[in-house]
Amino acid sequence: MAEALLSESASLELVRGALVLAREMAKDEIERLNKKPLQQKEVMELYGFDHKYMKYPWC
C-alpha cells in the first residue's frame, strides 16, 4: 500500500485554508457586484445607456 504524502491533520489544514480563501474571494466578488457606481459613465454602462442618449433627451 502506498504511503500518504500528507498526514491527516496537514490535509485538513490545507482544505480549511482553501475554504477560507474561497470564502474571502466570494465575499469580495459579492461586494464588488453590489457596489454602487459613483461616476456617470459607470452608471450609464450599468443600465445600457450611451452618449447618444444624452445628446437627444426627447428620444
N, C-alpha and C. Protein backbone atom coordinates (compact mmCIF):
# COMPACT_ATOMS: atom_id res chain seq x y z
N MET A 1 0.84 -1.17 0.00
CA MET A 1 0.00 0.00 0.00
C MET A 1 0.89 1.25 0.00
N ALA A 2 0.49 2.25 -0.74
CA ALA A 2 1.28 3.48 -0.84
C ALA A 2 1.11 4.33 0.41
N GLU A 3 2.16 5.03 0.76
CA GLU A 3 2.11 5.91 1.92
C GLU A 3 1.49 7.25 1.53
N ALA A 4 0.81 7.87 2.47
CA ALA A 4 0.21 9.18 2.23
C ALA A 4 1.30 10.24 2.16
N LEU A 5 1.13 11.19 1.26
CA LEU A 5 2.10 12.27 1.13
C LEU A 5 1.95 13.29 2.26
N LEU A 6 0.73 13.48 2.74
CA LEU A 6 0.47 14.40 3.85
C LEU A 6 -0.25 13.65 4.96
N SER A 7 0.00 14.08 6.17
CA SER A 7 -0.73 13.49 7.28
C SER A 7 -2.18 13.96 7.23
N GLU A 8 -3.03 13.29 8.00
CA GLU A 8 -4.44 13.65 8.00
C GLU A 8 -4.64 15.08 8.48
N SER A 9 -3.93 15.47 9.53
CA SER A 9 -4.08 16.83 10.06
C SER A 9 -3.58 17.88 9.06
N ALA A 10 -2.50 17.57 8.36
CA ALA A 10 -1.99 18.51 7.36
C ALA A 10 -2.97 18.64 6.20
N SER A 11 -3.58 17.55 5.81
CA SER A 11 -4.58 17.58 4.73
C SER A 11 -5.78 18.41 5.14
N LEU A 12 -6.26 18.23 6.37
CA LEU A 12 -7.40 19.00 6.86
C LEU A 12 -7.07 20.49 6.91
N GLU A 13 -5.88 20.82 7.36
CA GLU A 13 -5.46 22.22 7.44
C GLU A 13 -5.38 22.84 6.04
N LEU A 14 -4.91 22.08 5.08
CA LEU A 14 -4.83 22.56 3.70
C LEU A 14 -6.24 22.82 3.14
N VAL A 15 -7.16 21.92 3.39
CA VAL A 15 -8.53 22.09 2.93
C VAL A 15 -9.19 23.28 3.62
N ARG A 16 -8.97 23.43 4.92
CA ARG A 16 -9.54 24.58 5.64
C ARG A 16 -9.00 25.90 5.08
N GLY A 17 -7.72 25.93 4.79
CA GLY A 17 -7.12 27.14 4.21
C GLY A 17 -7.72 27.46 2.85
N ALA A 18 -7.94 26.44 2.04
CA ALA A 18 -8.55 26.65 0.72
C ALA A 18 -9.98 27.15 0.86
N LEU A 19 -10.72 26.63 1.83
CA LEU A 19 -12.09 27.08 2.06
C LEU A 19 -12.14 28.53 2.53
N VAL A 20 -11.23 28.91 3.41
CA VAL A 20 -11.17 30.29 3.88
C VAL A 20 -10.87 31.23 2.71
N LEU A 21 -9.92 30.84 1.88
CA LEU A 21 -9.57 31.66 0.72
C LEU A 21 -10.76 31.78 -0.24
N ALA A 22 -11.44 30.68 -0.51
CA ALA A 22 -12.61 30.71 -1.40
C ALA A 22 -13.72 31.57 -0.82
N ARG A 23 -13.92 31.49 0.48
CA ARG A 23 -14.95 32.30 1.14
C ARG A 23 -14.63 33.79 1.02
N GLU A 24 -13.37 34.16 1.23
CA GLU A 24 -12.97 35.56 1.12
C GLU A 24 -13.11 36.06 -0.31
N MET A 25 -12.74 35.22 -1.28
CA MET A 25 -12.87 35.62 -2.68
C MET A 25 -14.34 35.81 -3.06
N ALA A 26 -15.20 34.93 -2.60
CA ALA A 26 -16.63 35.06 -2.89
C ALA A 26 -17.21 36.31 -2.25
N LYS A 27 -16.80 36.59 -1.01
CA LYS A 27 -17.28 37.79 -0.31
C LYS A 27 -16.84 39.05 -1.04
N ASP A 28 -15.58 39.10 -1.49
CA ASP A 28 -15.08 40.25 -2.23
C ASP A 28 -15.83 40.43 -3.54
N GLU A 29 -16.12 39.34 -4.23
CA GLU A 29 -16.84 39.41 -5.50
C GLU A 29 -18.27 39.91 -5.29
N ILE A 30 -18.93 39.44 -4.26
CA ILE A 30 -20.29 39.91 -3.96
C ILE A 30 -20.28 41.39 -3.63
N GLU A 31 -19.31 41.83 -2.84
CA GLU A 31 -19.22 43.26 -2.51
C GLU A 31 -18.96 44.09 -3.76
N ARG A 32 -18.12 43.58 -4.66
CA ARG A 32 -17.82 44.30 -5.90
C ARG A 32 -19.07 44.42 -6.77
N LEU A 33 -19.84 43.35 -6.85
CA LEU A 33 -21.05 43.36 -7.67
C LEU A 33 -22.13 44.25 -7.08
N ASN A 34 -22.17 44.37 -5.77
CA ASN A 34 -23.19 45.18 -5.12
C ASN A 34 -22.79 46.64 -4.96
N LYS A 35 -21.55 46.96 -5.29
CA LYS A 35 -21.06 48.33 -5.16
C LYS A 35 -21.83 49.24 -6.12
N LYS A 36 -22.27 50.36 -5.62
CA LYS A 36 -22.97 51.34 -6.45
C LYS A 36 -21.93 52.18 -7.19
N PRO A 37 -22.03 52.28 -8.50
CA PRO A 37 -21.07 53.11 -9.24
C PRO A 37 -21.28 54.58 -8.92
N LEU A 38 -20.20 55.31 -8.83
CA LEU A 38 -20.27 56.71 -8.45
C LEU A 38 -20.14 57.64 -9.65
N GLN A 39 -19.55 57.17 -10.73
CA GLN A 39 -19.34 58.02 -11.89
C GLN A 39 -20.47 57.84 -12.89
N GLN A 40 -20.83 58.93 -13.57
CA GLN A 40 -21.93 58.89 -14.52
C GLN A 40 -21.68 57.87 -15.62
N LYS A 41 -20.44 57.77 -16.09
CA LYS A 41 -20.12 56.81 -17.15
C LYS A 41 -20.41 55.38 -16.68
N GLU A 42 -20.03 55.05 -15.45
CA GLU A 42 -20.29 53.72 -14.91
C GLU A 42 -21.78 53.45 -14.79
N VAL A 43 -22.55 54.46 -14.36
CA VAL A 43 -23.99 54.30 -14.22
C VAL A 43 -24.62 54.06 -15.59
N MET A 44 -24.19 54.82 -16.58
CA MET A 44 -24.74 54.66 -17.93
C MET A 44 -24.41 53.28 -18.49
N GLU A 45 -23.18 52.80 -18.27
CA GLU A 45 -22.81 51.46 -18.74
C GLU A 45 -23.61 50.39 -18.01
N LEU A 46 -23.84 50.61 -16.72
CA LEU A 46 -24.58 49.63 -15.92
C LEU A 46 -25.99 49.44 -16.46
N TYR A 47 -26.64 50.54 -16.86
CA TYR A 47 -28.02 50.46 -17.32
C TYR A 47 -28.17 50.46 -18.84
N GLY A 48 -27.06 50.39 -19.56
CA GLY A 48 -27.11 50.22 -21.01
C GLY A 48 -27.31 51.50 -21.81
N PHE A 49 -27.04 52.66 -21.25
CA PHE A 49 -27.15 53.91 -21.99
C PHE A 49 -25.79 54.27 -22.57
N ASP A 50 -25.80 55.08 -23.61
CA ASP A 50 -24.55 55.57 -24.16
C ASP A 50 -24.62 57.09 -24.32
N HIS A 51 -23.57 57.68 -24.89
CA HIS A 51 -23.53 59.14 -25.01
C HIS A 51 -24.61 59.68 -25.94
N LYS A 52 -25.09 58.90 -26.89
CA LYS A 52 -26.14 59.35 -27.81
C LYS A 52 -27.43 59.65 -27.04
N TYR A 53 -27.68 58.91 -25.99
CA TYR A 53 -28.87 59.14 -25.17
C TYR A 53 -28.83 60.54 -24.56
N MET A 54 -27.66 60.99 -24.18
CA MET A 54 -27.53 62.31 -23.56
C MET A 54 -27.71 63.42 -24.59
N LYS A 55 -27.35 63.19 -25.86
CA LYS A 55 -27.49 64.21 -26.89
C LYS A 55 -28.95 64.46 -27.24
N TYR A 56 -29.77 63.43 -27.21
CA TYR A 56 -31.15 63.52 -27.65
C TYR A 56 -32.09 63.12 -26.51
N PRO A 57 -32.34 64.01 -25.57
CA PRO A 57 -33.16 63.64 -24.40
C PRO A 57 -34.62 63.38 -24.75
N TRP A 58 -35.10 63.81 -25.92
CA TRP A 58 -36.50 63.58 -26.27
C TRP A 58 -36.75 62.19 -26.82
N CYS A 59 -35.72 61.40 -27.05
CA CYS A 59 -35.89 60.04 -27.58
C CYS A 59 -36.20 59.05 -26.49
